[in-house]
Amino acid sequence: MLRTNVVGGSGDRLLVLIHGYGADEHDLAGLAPVLGSERFFTICPRGPIDVAPFGGAAWYDRSEDGVIEPGSFRHSILLLDQTIDATCEQRGLARARAVIVGFSQGGAMALAVSLRDGAPARPAGVACLSGMLQTPEWFPYAWDDADRWATAGPDDVPAVLVQHGAYDPMVDIERGRRTRDVLRSHGIEPEYHEYAMQHEIRPESIVDLRAWLDRVVAGS
């Protein structure tokens, strides 16, 4: 189980907000009332790896040239699974109706926990904000069959949102575009937006996130 900021709310579905590298479980909590405390029960888990000297946390280790350490990545997926399932059980919520949103490194976690092969249940929606799809050879996503997503029933394919800043100095815009293109190549059509911003969340991107959530809630 992960250390978690339980933001709460009166809604009947789970919203998981996953922070980026060097942030913590309080970083995205301010989004909860904007996105709808009346329709979600919101949690903000903390990454299991402490980042010194900043006091924040991370989800996986990687080398200076960007190679991901497999054990840390898999361990965080396992802990996210446990945290999501435990919250759903405690609150009487359905994982299949949850929405998982991640920023930066948290976006990679949101996509991985939602789309990997063998996931307990697909969420209703997953959003990657200024993040990336990590596709190391050792991590299996549920798209070995090229037609799997294109032929799946509507309840098996989560809605996907990808947002990215055109001037992002930390996660280049090409990584957002690659995330979009890889998803499309496997039969998942994400809603994709680029903004005149850097590595951040801006009012205009929140407006689009809220509108996307409205559609996810209405359709599931």
Protein backbone atom coordinates (compact mmCIF):
# COMPACT_ATOMS: atom_id res chain seq x y z
CA MET A 1 0.00 0.00 0.00
CA LEU A 2 1.13 3.51 -0.76
CA ARG A 3 1.08 6.48 1.55
CA THR A 4 -1.97 8.36 0.33
CA ASN A 5 -3.56 11.77 0.71
CA VAL A 6 -7.25 10.95 0.93
CA VAL A 7 -8.88 14.09 -0.44
CA GLY A 8 -12.35 12.56 -0.30
CA GLY A 9 -15.55 13.73 -1.89
CA SER A 10 -19.15 12.60 -2.06
CA GLY A 11 -19.06 10.93 -5.47
CA ASP A 12 -19.68 7.28 -6.27
CA ARG A 13 -16.58 6.71 -8.40
CA LEU A 14 -12.86 6.87 -7.69
CA LEU A 15 -10.52 9.57 -9.02
CA VAL A 16 -6.80 8.85 -8.65
CA LEU A 17 -4.39 11.77 -9.09
CA ILE A 18 -0.76 10.66 -9.55
CA HIS A 19 1.97 13.26 -9.06
CA GLY A 20 5.15 13.69 -11.07
CA TYR A 21 8.82 13.26 -10.24
CA GLY A 22 9.94 15.17 -7.16
CA ALA A 23 6.42 16.17 -6.10
CA ASP A 24 4.29 14.50 -3.44
CA GLU A 25 0.81 13.35 -2.50
CA HIS A 26 -0.36 16.93 -1.95
CA ASP A 27 0.75 18.30 -5.31
CA LEU A 28 -2.41 17.59 -7.36
CA ALA A 29 -4.96 17.65 -4.53
CA GLY A 30 -6.06 21.15 -5.52
CA LEU A 31 -7.51 19.74 -8.73
CA ALA A 32 -10.09 17.66 -6.87
CA PRO A 33 -12.70 20.38 -6.19
CA VAL A 34 -12.25 21.78 -9.70
CA LEU A 35 -12.82 18.37 -11.29
CA GLY A 36 -15.86 17.59 -9.18
CA SER A 37 -15.86 16.55 -5.52
CA GLU A 38 -19.57 15.86 -5.88
CA ARG A 39 -19.00 13.05 -8.39
CA PHE A 40 -15.66 11.60 -7.28
CA PHE A 41 -13.97 10.19 -4.22
CA THR A 42 -10.40 11.38 -4.75
CA ILE A 43 -7.08 9.96 -3.58
CA CYS A 44 -3.56 11.21 -4.25
CA PRO A 45 -0.97 8.47 -3.66
CA ARG A 46 2.69 9.19 -2.99
CA GLY A 47 5.45 7.54 -5.01
CA PRO A 48 7.45 4.97 -3.01
CA ILE A 49 10.89 6.42 -3.82
CA ASP A 50 12.04 9.45 -1.82
CA VAL A 51 13.83 12.13 -3.84
CA ALA A 52 16.57 13.90 -1.88
CA PRO A 53 17.13 16.69 -1.11
CA PHE A 54 13.78 18.02 -2.34
CA GLY A 55 11.55 16.04 -0.01
CA GLY A 56 9.35 14.79 -2.84
CA ALA A 57 8.95 11.34 -4.33
CA ALA A 58 9.29 9.38 -7.55
CA TRP A 59 7.69 6.30 -9.10
CA TYR A 60 10.71 4.60 -10.65
CA ASP A 61 14.46 4.85 -10.92
CA ARG A 62 16.24 5.49 -14.18
CA SER A 63 19.82 5.96 -15.34
CA GLU A 64 21.27 9.27 -16.54
CA ASP A 65 20.56 8.25 -20.12
CA GLY A 66 16.91 7.48 -19.33
CA VAL A 67 16.96 3.70 -18.97
CA ILE A 68 14.24 2.62 -16.52
CA GLU A 69 15.12 0.24 -13.69
CA PRO A 70 12.56 -2.58 -14.11
CA GLY A 71 12.14 -3.53 -10.46
CA SER A 72 11.17 -0.03 -9.33
CA PHE A 73 8.69 0.39 -12.19
CA ARG A 74 6.97 -2.94 -11.55
CA HIS A 75 6.93 -2.36 -7.79
CA SER A 76 5.12 0.96 -8.19
CA ILE A 77 2.52 -0.63 -10.47
CA LEU A 78 1.92 -3.32 -7.84
CA LEU A 79 1.57 -0.73 -5.07
CA LEU A 80 -0.79 1.42 -7.16
CA ASP A 81 -2.91 -1.66 -7.85
CA GLN A 82 -3.08 -2.48 -4.16
CA THR A 83 -3.96 1.09 -3.22
CA ILE A 84 -6.68 1.42 -5.87
CA ASP A 85 -8.22 -1.95 -5.02
CA ALA A 86 -8.14 -1.31 -1.28
CA THR A 87 -9.80 2.09 -1.68
CA CYS A 88 -12.49 0.63 -3.93
CA GLU A 89 -13.16 -2.15 -1.42
CA GLN A 90 -13.29 0.22 1.55
CA ARG A 91 -15.61 2.67 -0.19
CA GLY A 92 -17.73 0.19 -2.14
CA LEU A 93 -16.56 1.59 -5.47
CA ALA A 94 -16.02 -0.19 -8.79
CA ARG A 95 -12.53 -0.06 -10.28
CA ALA A 96 -14.07 -0.24 -13.76
CA ARG A 97 -15.73 3.15 -13.13
CA ALA A 98 -12.56 4.84 -11.81
CA VAL A 99 -10.62 7.59 -13.56
CA ILE A 100 -6.83 7.68 -13.26
CA VAL A 101 -4.99 10.95 -13.98
CA GLY A 102 -1.22 11.40 -13.90
CA PHE A 103 1.15 14.32 -14.44
CA SER A 104 4.63 13.86 -15.95
CA GLN A 105 6.13 10.65 -14.50
CA GLY A 106 2.71 10.08 -12.96
CA GLY A 107 1.27 10.08 -16.47
CA ALA A 108 3.49 7.13 -17.34
CA MET A 109 2.19 5.37 -14.23
CA ALA A 110 -1.44 6.15 -15.08
CA LEU A 111 -1.09 4.66 -18.56
CA ALA A 112 0.88 1.64 -17.37
CA VAL A 113 -1.47 0.68 -14.54
CA SER A 114 -4.49 1.11 -16.81
CA LEU A 115 -3.33 -0.49 -20.07
CA ARG A 116 -0.91 -3.19 -19.03
CA ASP A 117 -1.53 -6.83 -19.75
CA GLY A 118 -3.25 -8.59 -16.87
CA ALA A 119 -4.68 -5.48 -15.21
CA PRO A 120 -7.46 -6.41 -12.73
CA ALA A 121 -9.94 -4.11 -14.49
CA ARG A 122 -9.64 -1.25 -16.97
CA PRO A 123 -10.69 2.13 -15.56
CA ALA A 124 -13.36 4.16 -17.30
CA GLY A 125 -10.76 6.76 -18.20
CA VAL A 126 -7.05 7.51 -18.00
CA ALA A 127 -5.35 10.88 -18.56
CA CYS A 128 -1.67 11.60 -19.17
CA LEU A 129 -0.81 15.25 -18.53
CA SER A 130 2.63 16.39 -19.75
CA GLY A 131 3.80 12.81 -19.45
CA MET A 132 4.75 9.87 -21.60
CA LEU A 133 3.99 6.27 -22.45
CA GLN A 134 6.91 4.16 -21.25
CA THR A 135 7.33 1.07 -23.42
CA PRO A 136 10.35 -0.93 -22.26
CA GLU A 137 10.52 -4.40 -23.80
CA TRP A 138 10.11 -6.09 -20.42
CA PHE A 139 6.78 -4.41 -19.58
CA PRO A 140 3.79 -6.04 -21.34
CA TYR A 141 0.88 -3.89 -22.40
CA ALA A 142 -2.40 -5.47 -23.46
CA TRP A 143 -1.85 -4.96 -27.16
CA ASP A 144 0.13 -7.97 -28.29
CA ASP A 145 -2.75 -8.64 -30.66
CA ALA A 146 -2.86 -5.64 -33.02
CA ASP A 147 -6.66 -5.91 -33.29
CA ARG A 148 -7.33 -6.33 -29.59
CA TRP A 149 -8.43 -2.79 -28.79
CA ALA A 150 -10.08 -2.11 -32.12
CA THR A 151 -12.35 -5.14 -31.69
CA ALA A 152 -12.92 -4.90 -27.93
CA GLY A 153 -16.26 -4.02 -26.47
CA PRO A 154 -16.82 -0.46 -25.24
CA ASP A 155 -16.52 -1.52 -21.61
CA ASP A 156 -13.02 -2.92 -22.24
CA VAL A 157 -11.47 0.23 -23.73
CA PRO A 158 -10.92 3.16 -21.38
CA ALA A 159 -11.27 6.72 -22.62
CA VAL A 160 -7.80 8.24 -22.92
CA LEU A 161 -6.76 11.89 -22.73
CA VAL A 162 -3.26 13.13 -23.58
CA GLN A 163 -2.29 16.77 -22.92
CA HIS A 164 1.11 18.34 -23.49
CA GLY A 165 2.81 21.72 -23.56
CA ALA A 166 4.37 22.70 -26.89
CA TYR A 167 7.25 24.40 -25.03
CA ASP A 168 7.81 21.77 -22.34
CA PRO A 169 11.54 21.87 -21.44
CA MET A 170 11.41 18.75 -19.26
CA VAL A 171 9.32 16.28 -21.27
CA ASP A 172 9.65 17.24 -24.91
CA ILE A 173 6.46 17.67 -26.92
CA GLU A 174 7.57 14.80 -29.18
CA ARG A 175 7.07 12.40 -26.27
CA GLY A 176 3.45 13.50 -26.01
CA ARG A 177 3.00 13.05 -29.75
CA ARG A 178 4.65 9.64 -29.61
CA THR A 179 2.28 8.62 -26.81
CA ARG A 180 -0.65 9.61 -29.02
CA ASP A 181 0.74 7.81 -32.06
CA VAL A 182 1.62 4.56 -30.27
CA LEU A 183 -1.85 4.40 -28.74
CA ARG A 184 -3.42 4.97 -32.16
CA SER A 185 -1.28 2.23 -33.68
CA HIS A 186 -2.85 -0.21 -31.23
CA GLY A 187 -6.46 0.80 -31.83
CA ILE A 188 -6.82 3.30 -28.96
CA GLU A 189 -7.85 6.76 -30.16
CA PRO A 190 -6.90 9.28 -27.45
CA GLU A 191 -8.27 12.77 -27.16
CA TYR A 192 -5.14 14.83 -27.74
CA HIS A 193 -4.41 18.49 -26.95
CA GLU A 194 -1.32 20.68 -27.23
CA TYR A 195 -1.04 24.01 -25.42
CA ALA A 196 1.23 27.04 -25.54
CA MET A 197 2.72 26.17 -22.15
CA GLN A 198 5.73 24.52 -20.54
CA HIS A 199 5.81 21.64 -18.02
CA GLU A 200 2.69 22.64 -16.16
CA ILE A 201 -1.06 22.52 -15.81
CA ARG A 202 -2.78 25.68 -17.00
CA PRO A 203 -6.41 26.90 -16.75
CA GLU A 204 -7.06 26.05 -20.39
CA SER A 205 -5.83 22.49 -19.94
CA ILE A 206 -7.96 22.10 -16.81
CA VAL A 207 -11.02 23.24 -18.77
CA ASP A 208 -10.38 20.50 -21.35
CA LEU A 209 -9.69 17.94 -18.61
CA ARG A 210 -12.97 18.78 -16.90
CA ALA A 211 -14.88 18.55 -20.19
CA TRP A 212 -13.28 15.17 -20.94
CA LEU A 213 -14.23 13.95 -17.46
CA ASP A 214 -17.81 15.06 -18.10
CA ARG A 215 -17.90 12.81 -21.15
CA VAL A 216 -16.28 9.89 -19.33
CA VAL A 217 -18.79 10.10 -16.48
CA ALA A 218 -21.72 10.44 -18.87
CA GLY A 219 -20.60 7.46 -20.92
CA SER A 220 -19.77 4.95 -18.20
